[in-house]
Protein backbone atom coordinates (compact mmCIF):
# COMPACT_ATOMS: atom_id res chain seq x y z
CA MET A 1 -2.15 -20.30 4.21
CA ASN A 2 -2.10 -24.13 3.36
CA LEU A 3 1.26 -26.21 2.27
CA ASN A 4 -0.69 -26.16 -1.44
CA GLU A 5 -1.23 -22.48 -1.52
CA LEU A 6 2.80 -22.18 -0.54
CA LYS A 7 4.11 -24.42 -3.25
CA ARG A 8 1.25 -21.79 -5.60
CA TYR A 9 3.49 -19.07 -4.44
CA THR A 10 6.88 -20.45 -4.55
CA SER A 11 6.39 -21.67 -7.79
CA GLN A 12 5.67 -18.96 -8.92
CA GLY A 13 9.25 -17.27 -8.12
CA GLU A 14 9.99 -13.69 -6.71
CA GLY A 15 8.17 -11.10 -7.96
CA LEU A 16 6.46 -7.64 -7.50
CA TYR A 17 4.63 -9.39 -4.75
CA ILE A 18 6.88 -11.99 -3.67
CA GLU A 19 10.14 -12.14 -1.45
CA PHE A 20 11.85 -15.72 -0.51
CA LYS A 21 14.30 -15.23 2.08
CA LYS A 22 16.05 -18.59 3.48
CA LYS A 23 17.02 -17.15 7.07
CA ALA A 24 16.96 -13.93 9.12
CA THR A 25 20.68 -13.31 8.50
CA TYR A 26 20.17 -10.23 7.40
CA PRO A 27 17.01 -8.40 8.90
CA ASP A 28 17.98 -5.13 8.01
CA LYS A 29 17.69 -6.26 4.04
CA ILE A 30 14.32 -8.48 5.42
CA VAL A 31 12.66 -4.99 6.40
CA ARG A 32 13.79 -3.25 3.63
CA GLU A 33 11.76 -5.52 1.56
CA MET A 34 8.70 -5.47 4.10
CA VAL A 35 8.73 -1.42 3.55
CA ALA A 36 8.77 -1.53 -0.06
CA PHE A 37 5.68 -3.94 -0.53
CA ALA A 38 4.30 -1.40 2.08
CA ASN A 39 5.20 1.35 -0.17
CA THR A 40 3.87 -0.64 -3.40
CA LYS A 41 0.84 -2.62 -3.79
CA GLY A 42 1.69 -5.29 -0.90
CA GLY A 43 3.05 -8.36 -1.08
CA PHE A 44 4.51 -11.86 1.11
CA LEU A 45 8.04 -11.91 2.19
CA PHE A 46 8.64 -15.69 2.99
CA VAL A 47 11.35 -16.59 5.56
CA GLY A 48 12.41 -20.59 5.49
CA ILE A 49 12.59 -20.60 0.90
CA ASP A 50 15.95 -20.75 -0.71
CA ASP A 51 16.70 -18.79 -3.46
CA ASP A 52 15.92 -21.96 -5.71
CA ARG A 53 12.42 -21.96 -4.11
CA THR A 54 12.94 -24.90 -2.46
CA ILE A 55 10.96 -25.22 0.83
CA SER A 56 13.66 -25.89 3.56
CA GLY A 57 11.91 -24.03 6.39
CA CYS A 58 12.89 -22.78 9.58
CA LYS A 59 14.69 -24.79 12.17
CA ASN A 60 14.50 -22.20 14.88
CA PRO A 61 11.74 -20.23 13.99
CA GLU A 62 11.42 -18.83 17.11
CA GLU A 63 14.60 -16.88 16.67
CA GLU A 64 14.16 -16.08 13.27
CA ILE A 65 10.59 -14.15 14.68
CA PHE A 66 12.51 -12.61 17.42
CA VAL A 67 15.60 -10.87 15.29
CA ILE A 68 12.65 -9.77 12.34
CA THR A 69 10.32 -8.25 14.86
CA GLN A 70 12.82 -6.66 16.78
CA HIS A 71 14.79 -5.15 13.99
CA LEU A 72 11.16 -4.08 12.57
CA ALA A 73 10.49 -2.25 16.18
CA ASN A 74 13.78 -0.67 15.69
CA TYR A 75 14.17 0.76 12.42
CA SER A 76 10.44 0.93 10.78
CA PRO A 77 7.67 0.57 14.05
CA PHE A 78 5.23 2.22 12.12
CA LEU A 79 5.01 -0.79 9.16
CA VAL A 80 1.76 -2.97 9.66
CA TYR A 81 2.20 -6.66 8.93
CA HIS A 82 0.68 -10.17 9.93
CA LEU A 83 2.71 -12.78 10.50
CA GLU A 84 1.74 -16.29 9.97
CA ARG A 85 4.01 -19.88 10.86
CA LEU A 86 3.47 -22.79 8.68
CA PRO A 87 4.70 -26.16 9.92
CA ILE A 88 6.00 -27.95 6.88
CA ASN A 89 7.00 -31.03 8.73
CA ALA A 90 7.38 -31.91 12.81
CA LYS A 91 10.43 -30.00 13.27
CA ARG A 92 10.67 -26.87 10.36
CA GLU A 93 7.76 -23.97 9.92
CA VAL A 94 7.94 -21.42 7.14
CA LEU A 95 7.32 -17.64 8.28
CA ILE A 96 5.12 -15.95 6.21
CA PHE A 97 5.19 -11.91 6.66
CA HIS A 98 2.17 -10.25 4.66
CA VAL A 99 2.26 -6.66 4.45
CA SER A 100 -0.31 -4.68 3.01
CA GLU A 101 -0.40 -1.84 0.98
CA SER A 102 0.16 0.83 3.82
CA GLU A 103 -3.03 3.75 3.77
CA LYS A 104 -0.31 6.31 4.70
CA LYS A 105 2.75 6.87 2.73
CA PRO A 106 5.83 6.58 2.77
CA VAL A 107 6.58 4.09 5.65
CA TYR A 108 10.24 4.90 6.21
CA LEU A 109 13.32 2.65 7.03
CA LYS A 110 15.71 4.26 9.51
CA GLU A 111 19.14 3.29 8.94
CA ASN A 112 20.87 1.41 11.66
CA VAL A 113 24.27 3.50 11.28
CA PRO A 114 24.93 6.98 11.80
CA PRO A 115 23.12 9.67 10.64
CA PHE A 116 20.43 7.23 10.92
CA LYS A 117 18.62 8.42 8.10
CA LEU A 118 15.05 7.58 6.90
CA LEU A 119 14.53 5.75 4.06
CA ALA A 120 12.29 4.96 1.41
CA PHE A 121 11.71 1.79 -0.47
CA VAL A 122 9.49 0.65 -3.67
CA ARG A 123 9.03 -2.78 -5.38
CA VAL A 124 9.92 -2.87 -8.76
CA ALA A 125 9.82 -6.43 -10.09
CA ASP A 126 11.64 -8.53 -7.75
CA MET A 127 13.78 -5.86 -6.25
CA SER A 128 13.42 -3.39 -3.77
CA ILE A 129 14.82 0.16 -4.23
CA ILE A 130 15.42 3.56 -2.65
CA ALA A 131 12.48 5.86 -3.41
CA SER A 132 13.64 9.08 -5.17
CA LYS A 133 13.14 12.57 -4.32
CA GLU A 134 10.23 12.65 -6.55
CA MET A 135 8.72 9.48 -5.86
CA VAL A 136 8.57 10.44 -1.91
CA GLN A 137 6.47 13.10 -2.94
CA VAL A 138 4.46 11.35 -4.96
CA LEU A 139 3.68 8.81 -2.31
CA ARG A 140 3.24 11.43 0.90
CA TYR A 141 0.20 13.23 -1.59
CA ALA A 142 -1.04 9.85 -2.70
CA THR A 143 -4.23 9.96 -0.95
CA ASP A 144 -5.01 13.10 -2.37
CA MET A 145 -3.94 13.08 -6.08
CA GLN A 146 -7.32 13.65 -7.25
CA ASP A 147 -7.87 16.92 -5.09
CA VAL A 148 -4.96 18.76 -6.82
CA LYS A 149 -5.06 22.26 -8.30
CA PHE A 150 -2.47 23.85 -9.91
CA MET A 151 -2.02 26.63 -12.56
CA TYR A 152 -1.89 25.17 -16.01
CA GLY A 153 1.08 27.04 -17.70
CA LYS A 154 3.50 26.92 -20.30
CA ARG A 155 5.97 24.26 -18.13
CA GLU A 156 2.55 21.67 -17.96
CA GLU A 157 1.68 22.33 -21.80
CA ALA A 158 5.14 21.88 -22.68
CA ILE A 159 5.59 18.28 -20.80
CA LEU A 160 2.46 17.05 -22.29
CA ARG A 161 2.99 18.21 -25.85
CA TYR A 162 6.67 16.46 -25.17
CA LEU A 163 4.99 13.08 -24.26
CA GLN A 164 2.53 12.87 -27.51
CA THR A 165 5.54 12.52 -29.33
CA GLN A 166 7.62 10.68 -27.03
CA PRO A 167 7.47 7.37 -24.76
CA LYS A 168 8.99 9.09 -21.47
CA ILE A 169 10.38 11.78 -19.94
CA THR A 170 12.73 12.43 -17.22
CA VAL A 171 13.43 15.09 -14.64
CA ALA A 172 16.89 15.79 -17.03
CA ASP A 173 14.51 16.03 -20.06
CA ALA A 174 12.43 18.12 -18.43
CA GLN A 175 15.47 20.20 -17.42
CA ASN A 176 16.38 20.80 -21.10
CA LEU A 177 12.92 21.03 -22.03
CA LEU A 178 11.85 23.99 -20.01
CA ASN A 179 15.72 25.55 -19.57
CA LEU A 180 15.14 25.40 -15.43
CA PRO A 181 17.22 23.70 -12.80
CA TYR A 182 16.73 20.40 -11.81
CA LYS A 183 14.23 21.10 -8.59
CA PRO A 184 11.69 23.20 -10.36
CA ALA A 185 11.52 20.59 -13.25
CA ALA A 186 11.08 18.15 -10.73
CA ILE A 187 8.09 19.84 -9.30
CA ALA A 188 6.51 20.52 -12.62
CA LEU A 189 6.99 16.33 -13.27
CA VAL A 190 5.60 15.87 -9.77
CA THR A 191 2.34 18.21 -9.68
CA LEU A 192 1.19 16.53 -12.92
CA VAL A 193 1.58 12.91 -11.15
CA ARG A 194 -0.33 14.38 -8.45
CA ALA A 195 -3.12 15.48 -10.80
CA ASP A 196 -3.33 12.08 -12.21
CA LEU A 197 -2.20 13.61 -15.66
CA LEU A 198 1.19 11.73 -15.86
CA LEU A 199 2.43 7.98 -14.03
CA ILE A 200 5.90 7.70 -12.42
CA HIS A 201 7.71 4.54 -13.15
CA ALA A 202 11.09 4.12 -10.37
CA THR A 203 13.58 1.93 -12.03
CA LEU A 204 17.59 1.12 -10.74
CA HIS A 205 18.91 3.76 -13.00
CA GLY A 206 16.17 6.80 -11.74
CA ASP A 207 12.81 7.82 -12.58
CA TYR A 208 10.83 8.37 -15.68
CA PHE A 209 7.22 9.64 -16.42
CA THR A 210 4.45 8.62 -18.50
CA LEU A 211 1.72 9.97 -19.93
CA ASN A 212 -1.49 8.58 -17.92
CA GLU A 213 -3.38 7.36 -20.93
CA ALA A 214 -6.46 7.04 -18.73
CA ALA A 215 -7.07 10.31 -18.07
CA PHE A 216 -7.17 11.61 -21.68
CA LYS A 217 -9.58 8.86 -22.69
């Protein structure tokens, strides 16, 4: 990447594929963003760019790299990334962490405080959020979605009929619709996602599901 290309990225602002950090002050947050990129569509994390898109660069890039790579090694060792260093003047550099979409999902971040839980994150617009249990299941089986075999019964039919008149459905909606506890209602929705009949959408306020219109054409 050259400086002109960097300016084009910064002009776009943060979004699904782009995240800016001025410094590696909070390396746990940097790792979280990178994990979210890996679990979504990949992206670029730039260190040395202010929130207002000013390209300030890193004065001590070696220190920034050490802090980030150590944190990655300790808390998300299976995350794959490529690091590029772009000098912007004689004294400063921008660090570019290019994270590809992972072929094996989910990629986890291990919390750095007890009980050291494993968390998966996904990218939603310009945010990285914790993946729900349902999203984790979808990510886990993402590579074999087209090969899912399941019994198409009354539950599945009821969900698809519901979505013919409603734009979306949540697990809570499915519970009410099917008169089921949370877990079996969630399993029914995830199964339909794995069968490529529904799409799952993560938000800060919980997931929702919609028809995969392409599957019905």
